[in-house]
Amino acid sequence: MKKRLYLDWNATAPVLPTVQEAMIEALSKTPGNASSIHREGQAARAVVERARRSVAEAIGAPPQAVVITGGATESNNQVLRDHIRVTDDPFVTCTSVEHPSVLEVVAGFESRGVKTALWPVDAQGRLSLEWLEEKLKEGVTLVSVMWANNEVGNIFDVARIAELVHRSGALLHVDGTQALGRIPLNFQDSTVDFLTLSFHKMGGPKGIGATVIREGLKVGAILDGGHQERGRRPGTENVPAAAGLNAAARAVVEEGARWNESLVRGKEAFVETLLKAVDDVELRGDLERQLPNTVNAAFAEVDGEDLLLALDLEGISASSGSACTAGSLEPSHVILAMGFDEQQARQSVRFSFGPSTPEEELVRAAEQIGDIVRRLRELNASF
């Protein structure tokens, strides 16, 4: 069987071996409910609290700031919906390239009469701080922006955005999911008010995340029915996932710097080889401020769906960065927001990898991509 190369880490990452081991151990040795007072319950509680402390250490936050949730989608909903609930005359803005768990919630607010504004990007996916300053003058109460974009990999200037937001008296919510484990994150230094995270993009378990809340602020639960997480996230704690979360967060603390160096080298090798292997390729996004594991490329005269299918047959898994609905590839909302038309957006293919992806495999993949693109162009020219 042909060995496959997985280049879709921005969708989800392979589980780290230490995470898998920790979860199996918790499943077999920690049967208790973390809210119970008996010995088994307290052993389960210890697993959850170790995870909380490790997450806090990984992102430079105090442990009491960390609320463990079911993932960033839940956390994003929690922050945004609670803001509308507790704020008089709320006015929410988010970027036009956010994850659907932000964009769709904000669109729902607008349909309910809440004032909203969509922060546009330019052709490289960059944000205008001047635009934000104008909206803040109009009374924006909450700004939502991702730390790094999942499709083109742009890294946004969170520290500068926070400075502008707080100067106006507004609050800042940042989705840090794609940045975690790839670039350094420090919650305290960033002065972000609310940071939301998932851990499965960097080798942690699926279905667990966190809402991190600055001291002095509160976020209410979006569910009823329990007192867990100090009333901020009802429901029996997922102890095996928390054990995996602890292992993933420990890996960020212990391996984060090495991971970043590995990703930088891998991306340089991949891009250099790709540009040599094929002509008429456009690298999309802000190439000066981009995640070290993400390459979004468009190949002239080649449809992205055709390329993805051909790559899959050759044993390479990649993505368009958008959802596939009823067998038809939908154009990426991120690429459309950058000003490309639908045909141009359909050409985009996202390659994302991790620190365990061998550099020589990235070079080989780039060469294969070049071969496949040339074959597709020849085929298209024959029609």
Protein backbone atom coordinates (compact mmCIF):
# COMPACT_ATOMS: atom_id res chain seq x y z
CA MET A 1 0.00 0.00 0.00
CA LYS A 2 1.30 3.43 -0.99
CA LYS A 3 2.56 5.52 1.91
CA ARG A 4 0.40 8.62 2.28
CA LEU A 5 1.51 12.13 3.18
CA TYR A 6 -0.92 14.12 5.31
CA LEU A 7 -0.87 17.84 4.50
CA ASP A 8 -4.12 18.92 6.14
CA TRP A 9 -3.02 19.71 9.69
CA ASN A 10 -5.07 22.94 9.73
CA ALA A 11 -8.19 20.77 9.57
CA THR A 12 -6.93 18.45 12.30
CA ALA A 13 -3.58 17.00 13.29
CA PRO A 14 -2.53 13.41 13.98
CA VAL A 15 -2.76 12.71 17.70
CA LEU A 16 0.56 12.87 19.51
CA PRO A 17 1.71 9.52 20.92
CA THR A 18 1.91 10.98 24.42
CA VAL A 19 -1.68 12.20 24.08
CA GLN A 20 -2.90 8.80 23.01
CA GLU A 21 -1.08 7.12 25.90
CA ALA A 22 -2.48 9.58 28.43
CA MET A 23 -6.04 9.09 27.21
CA ILE A 24 -5.80 5.31 27.27
CA GLU A 25 -4.43 5.42 30.80
CA ALA A 26 -7.25 7.69 31.94
CA LEU A 27 -9.85 5.43 30.34
CA SER A 28 -8.48 2.40 32.10
CA LYS A 29 -7.44 3.83 35.47
CA THR A 30 -9.64 6.86 36.18
CA PRO A 31 -13.29 5.77 36.24
CA GLY A 32 -14.60 8.46 38.55
CA ASN A 33 -16.72 11.56 37.96
CA ALA A 34 -14.58 14.65 38.58
CA SER A 35 -17.42 16.24 40.56
CA SER A 36 -17.65 13.35 43.06
CA ILE A 37 -16.04 13.65 46.49
CA HIS A 38 -14.85 10.05 46.84
CA ARG A 39 -11.33 8.86 46.02
CA GLU A 40 -12.12 7.95 42.40
CA GLY A 41 -13.81 11.29 41.88
CA GLN A 42 -10.90 13.20 43.30
CA ALA A 43 -8.47 11.27 41.09
CA ALA A 44 -10.53 12.36 38.10
CA ARG A 45 -10.60 15.94 39.42
CA ALA A 46 -6.80 15.87 39.63
CA VAL A 47 -6.60 14.97 35.92
CA VAL A 48 -8.79 17.94 34.99
CA GLU A 49 -6.85 20.36 37.17
CA ARG A 50 -3.49 19.18 35.81
CA ALA A 51 -4.82 19.90 32.33
CA ARG A 52 -5.92 23.37 33.39
CA ARG A 53 -2.49 24.21 34.83
CA SER A 54 -0.68 22.88 31.76
CA VAL A 55 -2.88 24.89 29.38
CA ALA A 56 -2.24 27.99 31.48
CA GLU A 57 1.50 27.43 31.33
CA ALA A 58 1.43 26.82 27.57
CA ILE A 59 -0.27 30.15 26.84
CA GLY A 60 1.07 32.34 29.65
CA ALA A 61 -2.14 32.64 31.66
CA PRO A 62 -3.09 32.07 35.31
CA PRO A 63 -4.84 28.70 35.83
CA GLN A 64 -7.96 30.32 37.21
CA ALA A 65 -8.44 32.09 33.87
CA VAL A 66 -8.87 28.80 31.98
CA VAL A 67 -12.35 27.35 31.45
CA ILE A 68 -12.25 23.91 29.81
CA THR A 69 -14.86 23.55 27.05
CA GLY A 70 -15.74 21.24 24.19
CA GLY A 71 -13.63 23.17 21.66
CA ALA A 72 -13.17 26.57 20.04
CA THR A 73 -16.57 26.53 18.32
CA GLU A 74 -18.26 26.25 21.70
CA SER A 75 -15.89 28.78 23.23
CA ASN A 76 -16.45 31.29 20.44
CA ASN A 77 -20.19 30.97 20.86
CA GLN A 78 -19.82 31.37 24.62
CA VAL A 79 -17.88 34.63 24.43
CA LEU A 80 -19.94 36.22 21.66
CA ARG A 81 -23.38 35.23 22.93
CA ASP A 82 -22.63 36.18 26.52
CA HIS A 83 -21.41 39.61 25.40
CA ILE A 84 -24.75 40.28 23.72
CA ARG A 85 -26.58 39.07 26.81
CA VAL A 86 -24.80 41.30 29.34
CA THR A 87 -24.01 44.42 27.27
CA ASP A 88 -26.29 47.41 26.86
CA ASP A 89 -26.47 48.43 23.18
CA PRO A 90 -23.88 45.89 21.96
CA PHE A 91 -21.95 46.53 18.73
CA VAL A 92 -19.86 43.61 17.52
CA THR A 93 -17.30 43.50 14.74
CA CYS A 94 -15.35 40.54 13.41
CA THR A 95 -13.12 40.04 10.40
CA SER A 96 -14.49 38.80 7.09
CA VAL A 97 -12.09 35.84 7.24
CA GLU A 98 -13.09 34.40 10.61
CA HIS A 99 -14.05 30.79 11.26
CA PRO A 100 -17.78 30.09 10.70
CA SER A 101 -18.24 29.70 14.48
CA VAL A 102 -17.68 33.44 14.67
CA LEU A 103 -19.03 34.63 11.32
CA GLU A 104 -22.33 32.78 11.56
CA VAL A 105 -22.93 33.85 15.15
CA VAL A 106 -22.31 37.50 14.26
CA ALA A 107 -24.59 37.20 11.22
CA GLY A 108 -27.26 35.84 13.55
CA PHE A 109 -26.86 38.88 15.79
CA GLU A 110 -27.45 41.17 12.83
CA SER A 111 -30.66 39.35 11.94
CA ARG A 112 -31.84 40.00 15.50
CA GLY A 113 -31.20 43.72 15.22
CA VAL A 114 -27.85 43.83 17.01
CA LYS A 115 -25.44 46.28 15.44
CA THR A 116 -22.55 44.53 13.68
CA ALA A 117 -19.79 45.32 11.20
CA LEU A 118 -17.59 43.06 9.09
CA TRP A 119 -13.89 44.03 9.09
CA PRO A 120 -12.64 43.68 5.49
CA VAL A 121 -9.25 42.44 4.30
CA ASP A 122 -7.13 43.41 1.30
CA ALA A 123 -5.91 41.18 -1.55
CA GLN A 124 -3.24 39.67 0.73
CA GLY A 125 -5.76 39.05 3.52
CA ARG A 126 -4.39 41.89 5.67
CA LEU A 127 -6.47 44.00 8.03
CA SER A 128 -6.61 47.79 8.05
CA LEU A 129 -6.12 49.22 11.52
CA GLU A 130 -7.46 52.54 10.26
CA TRP A 131 -10.78 50.84 9.49
CA LEU A 132 -10.89 49.47 13.03
CA GLU A 133 -10.14 52.86 14.57
CA GLU A 134 -13.09 54.38 12.70
CA LYS A 135 -15.45 51.63 13.86
CA LEU A 136 -14.26 51.97 17.45
CA LYS A 137 -15.16 55.65 17.27
CA GLU A 138 -18.67 54.56 16.26
CA GLY A 139 -19.06 52.62 19.51
CA VAL A 140 -17.95 49.03 18.88
CA THR A 141 -18.15 47.10 22.16
CA LEU A 142 -16.49 43.80 21.14
CA VAL A 143 -13.91 43.02 18.45
CA SER A 144 -13.40 39.39 17.40
CA VAL A 145 -10.29 38.44 15.42
CA MET A 146 -8.38 35.20 14.94
CA TRP A 147 -4.71 35.13 15.94
CA ALA A 148 -3.86 33.30 12.72
CA ASN A 149 -6.03 32.46 9.74
CA ASN A 150 -6.79 28.82 9.04
CA GLU A 151 -6.83 29.07 5.24
CA VAL A 152 -4.03 31.42 4.20
CA GLY A 153 -2.10 31.38 7.48
CA ASN A 154 -1.96 35.15 8.02
CA ILE A 155 -0.85 36.15 11.51
CA PHE A 156 -2.65 39.25 12.74
CA ASP A 157 -1.09 41.90 14.98
CA VAL A 158 -3.03 41.02 18.11
CA ALA A 159 -0.98 43.24 20.42
CA ARG A 160 -1.58 46.35 18.30
CA ILE A 161 -5.26 45.51 17.85
CA ALA A 162 -5.61 45.07 21.62
CA GLU A 163 -4.03 48.48 22.19
CA LEU A 164 -6.56 50.19 19.91
CA VAL A 165 -9.52 48.25 21.27
CA HIS A 166 -8.74 48.95 24.91
CA ARG A 167 -8.00 52.61 24.24
CA SER A 168 -11.64 52.91 23.13
CA GLY A 169 -12.99 50.97 26.09
CA ALA A 170 -14.09 47.96 24.03
CA LEU A 171 -13.26 44.28 24.59
CA LEU A 172 -11.16 41.94 22.44
CA HIS A 173 -11.87 38.29 21.69
CA VAL A 174 -9.18 36.27 19.86
CA ASP A 175 -9.49 32.75 18.46
CA GLY A 176 -6.00 31.30 18.89
CA THR A 177 -6.70 27.80 17.60
CA GLN A 178 -4.47 27.85 14.51
CA ALA A 179 -1.62 29.66 16.27
CA LEU A 180 -1.34 27.27 19.20
CA GLY A 181 1.79 25.14 18.96
CA ARG A 182 3.00 26.91 15.83
CA ILE A 183 3.98 30.36 17.05
CA PRO A 184 4.51 31.60 20.63
CA LEU A 185 1.33 32.70 22.42
CA ASN A 186 1.25 34.69 25.63
CA PHE A 187 -2.16 35.58 26.95
CA GLN A 188 -0.97 37.99 29.62
CA ASP A 189 1.44 39.93 27.40
CA SER A 190 -1.07 40.19 24.55
CA THR A 191 -3.66 41.89 26.82
CA VAL A 192 -6.40 39.92 25.04
CA ASP A 193 -9.64 39.84 27.05
CA PHE A 194 -10.96 36.48 25.83
CA LEU A 195 -8.84 33.80 24.15
CA THR A 196 -10.52 30.71 22.69
CA LEU A 197 -8.72 27.49 21.80
CA SER A 198 -9.04 23.99 20.41
CA PHE A 199 -6.22 21.51 20.77
CA HIS A 200 -6.71 19.04 17.93
CA LYS A 201 -4.84 21.18 15.39
CA MET A 202 -1.54 20.52 17.15
CA GLY A 203 -1.89 16.89 18.19
CA GLY A 204 -4.32 17.08 21.08
CA PRO A 205 -7.70 15.35 21.36
CA LYS A 206 -10.70 16.40 19.32
CA GLY A 207 -13.66 17.73 21.23
CA ILE A 208 -11.90 19.68 23.96
CA GLY A 209 -10.85 23.32 24.14
CA ALA A 210 -10.75 26.33 26.41
CA THR A 211 -12.07 29.81 26.99
CA VAL A 212 -9.43 31.95 28.68
CA ILE A 213 -10.76 35.03 30.48
CA ARG A 214 -8.85 38.06 31.67
CA GLU A 215 -9.00 38.77 35.40
CA GLY A 216 -11.91 40.98 36.34
CA LEU A 217 -14.10 39.82 33.44
CA LYS A 218 -16.80 37.17 33.47
CA VAL A 219 -18.31 34.84 30.89
CA GLY A 220 -21.56 33.05 31.60
CA ALA A 221 -22.42 29.53 30.51
CA ILE A 222 -24.37 29.00 27.31
CA LEU A 223 -25.82 25.76 28.70
CA ASP A 224 -27.87 25.07 31.82
CA GLY A 225 -27.77 22.01 34.04
CA GLY A 226 -24.68 21.90 36.21
CA HIS A 227 -22.09 23.70 38.29
CA GLN A 228 -18.95 22.39 36.56
CA GLU A 229 -16.15 24.82 35.66
CA ARG A 230 -17.43 27.12 38.41
CA GLY A 231 -20.77 27.37 36.64
CA ARG A 232 -19.26 28.46 33.34
CA ARG A 233 -19.49 25.13 31.50
CA PRO A 234 -22.07 22.65 32.81
CA GLY A 235 -21.73 18.95 32.06
CA THR A 236 -19.72 16.00 33.33
CA GLU A 237 -16.04 16.61 32.64
CA ASN A 238 -14.48 14.56 29.84
CA VAL A 239 -11.65 13.14 31.94
CA PRO A 240 -9.92 11.08 29.19
CA ALA A 241 -9.91 14.11 26.89
CA ALA A 242 -8.57 16.25 29.75
CA ALA A 243 -5.74 13.75 30.21
CA GLY A 244 -4.95 14.10 26.50
CA LEU A 245 -5.24 17.85 26.77
CA ASN A 246 -2.71 17.86 29.58
CA ALA A 247 -0.25 15.86 27.47
CA ALA A 248 -0.78 18.15 24.46
CA ALA A 249 -0.27 21.30 26.51
CA ARG A 250 2.88 19.81 28.09
CA ALA A 251 4.18 19.15 24.59
CA VAL A 252 3.63 22.81 23.64
CA VAL A 253 5.58 23.91 26.72
CA GLU A 254 8.43 21.48 26.19
CA GLU A 255 8.60 21.26 22.39
CA GLY A 256 7.07 24.50 21.10
CA ALA A 257 10.34 26.22 20.18
CA ARG A 258 11.67 23.15 18.40
CA TRP A 259 8.37 22.68 16.59
CA ASN A 260 8.51 26.24 15.28
CA GLU A 261 12.05 25.79 13.97
CA SER A 262 11.07 22.54 12.25
CA LEU A 263 8.04 24.15 10.63
CA VAL A 264 10.05 27.11 9.36
CA ARG A 265 12.62 24.82 7.73
CA GLY A 266 9.93 22.59 6.25
CA LYS A 267 8.00 25.46 4.75
CA GLU A 268 11.11 26.99 3.20
CA ALA A 269 12.00 23.67 1.57
CA PHE A 270 8.43 23.06 0.36
CA VAL A 271 7.96 26.52 -1.15
CA GLU A 272 11.40 26.62 -2.76
CA THR A 273 10.83 23.23 -4.40
CA LEU A 274 7.28 24.06 -5.46
CA LEU A 275 8.31 27.29 -7.19
CA LYS A 276 11.01 25.39 -9.08
CA ALA A 277 8.73 22.49 -9.95
CA VAL A 278 5.94 24.44 -11.62
CA ASP A 279 5.40 27.85 -13.16
CA ASP A 280 2.39 30.17 -12.93
CA VAL A 281 1.79 29.49 -9.25
CA GLU A 282 0.46 32.21 -6.94
CA LEU A 283 1.17 32.03 -3.23
CA ARG A 284 -1.74 33.69 -1.47
CA GLY A 285 -1.89 35.57 1.82
CA ASP A 286 0.50 37.88 3.64
CA LEU A 287 3.82 36.19 2.92
CA GLU A 288 5.60 38.44 5.44
CA ARG A 289 3.37 37.49 8.41
CA GLN A 290 2.24 33.92 7.94
CA LEU A 291 2.13 30.68 9.89
CA PRO A 292 5.23 28.54 9.36
CA ASN A 293 3.14 25.47 8.50
CA THR A 294 0.65 26.86 5.96
CA VAL A 295 0.91 27.43 2.20
CA ASN A 296 -2.10 28.52 0.16
CA ALA A 297 -1.37 28.24 -3.55
CA ALA A 298 -3.31 28.74 -6.77
CA PHE A 299 -2.14 27.21 -10.05
CA ALA A 300 -3.10 28.92 -13.30
CA GLU A 301 -5.48 26.88 -15.51
CA VAL A 302 -6.01 24.25 -12.80
CA ASP A 303 -9.18 23.84 -10.75
CA GLY A 304 -8.52 23.23 -7.07
CA GLU A 305 -10.96 20.33 -6.81
CA ASP A 306 -9.31 18.55 -9.74
CA LEU A 307 -5.92 19.00 -8.13
CA LEU A 308 -7.11 17.76 -4.73
CA LEU A 309 -8.59 14.61 -6.26
CA ALA A 310 -5.42 13.93 -8.27
CA LEU A 311 -3.27 14.50 -5.18
CA ASP A 312 -5.42 12.12 -3.16
CA LEU A 313 -4.93 9.40 -5.78
CA GLU A 314 -1.19 9.96 -5.49
CA GLY A 315 -1.31 9.62 -1.71
CA ILE A 316 -1.21 13.29 -0.71
CA SER A 317 -3.97 14.72 1.48
CA ALA A 318 -4.55 18.45 1.16
CA SER A 319 -7.54 20.79 1.36
CA SER A 320 -9.25 23.71 -0.26
CA GLY A 321 -9.73 25.20 3.17
CA SER A 322 -13.49 25.18 2.60
CA ALA A 323 -16.31 22.72 3.11
CA CYS A 324 -17.31 20.18 0.50
CA THR A 325 -21.08 20.16 0.06
CA ALA A 326 -22.91 17.52 -1.96
CA GLY A 327 -19.74 16.62 -3.83
CA SER A 328 -19.14 20.18 -5.03
CA LEU A 329 -16.28 22.29 -3.73
CA GLU A 330 -17.56 25.59 -2.40
CA PRO A 331 -15.29 28.59 -3.02
CA SER A 332 -13.46 29.68 0.11
CA HIS A 333 -15.07 32.61 1.89
CA VAL A 334 -11.57 33.74 2.89
CA ILE A 335 -10.29 33.89 -0.68
CA LEU A 336 -13.51 35.60 -1.81
CA ALA A 337 -13.12 38.16 0.98
CA MET A 338 -9.64 38.92 -0.37
CA GLY A 339 -11.26 40.12 -3.61
CA PHE A 340 -10.84 37.09 -5.86
CA ASP A 341 -13.75 35.97 -8.02
CA GLU A 342 -15.31 32.51 -7.69
CA GLN A 343 -13.21 30.93 -10.41
CA GLN A 344 -10.01 32.28 -8.87
CA ALA A 345 -11.15 31.18 -5.40
CA ARG A 346 -11.75 27.64 -6.64
CA GLN A 347 -8.10 27.45 -7.70
CA SER A 348 -6.82 27.79 -4.14
CA VAL A 349 -5.37 24.72 -2.45
CA ARG A 350 -4.13 24.73 1.13
CA PHE A 351 -1.15 22.67 2.21
CA SER A 352 -0.61 22.49 5.97
CA PHE A 353 1.76 20.27 7.87
CA GLY A 354 3.25 19.67 11.29
CA PRO A 355 6.58 19.42 13.06
CA SER A 356 6.65 15.65 12.53
CA THR A 357 6.23 15.98 8.76
CA PRO A 358 9.64 14.99 7.32
CA GLU A 359 11.33 17.75 5.33
CA GLU A 360 12.30 15.29 2.59
CA GLU A 361 8.64 14.28 2.26
CA LEU A 362 7.64 17.91 1.81
CA VAL A 363 10.21 18.26 -0.96
CA ARG A 364 8.93 15.08 -2.61
CA ALA A 365 5.34 16.31 -2.34
CA ALA A 366 6.21 19.64 -3.96
CA GLU A 367 7.80 17.81 -6.87
CA GLN A 368 4.74 15.58 -7.23
CA ILE A 369 2.45 18.59 -7.14
CA GLY A 370 4.44 20.10 -10.01
CA ASP A 371 4.08 16.90 -12.05
CA ILE A 372 0.34 16.68 -11.42
CA VAL A 373 -0.25 20.36 -12.25
CA ARG A 374 1.54 19.94 -15.58
CA ARG A 375 -0.56 16.84 -16.41
CA LEU A 376 -3.79 18.65 -15.56
CA ARG A 377 -2.82 21.62 -17.70
CA GLU A 378 -2.05 19.34 -20.63
CA LEU A 379 -5.37 17.56 -20.15
CA ASN A 380 -7.29 20.85 -19.96
CA ALA A 381 -5.53 22.13 -23.10
CA SER A 382 -6.65 19.05 -25.04
CA PHE A 383 -10.34 19.88 -24.60
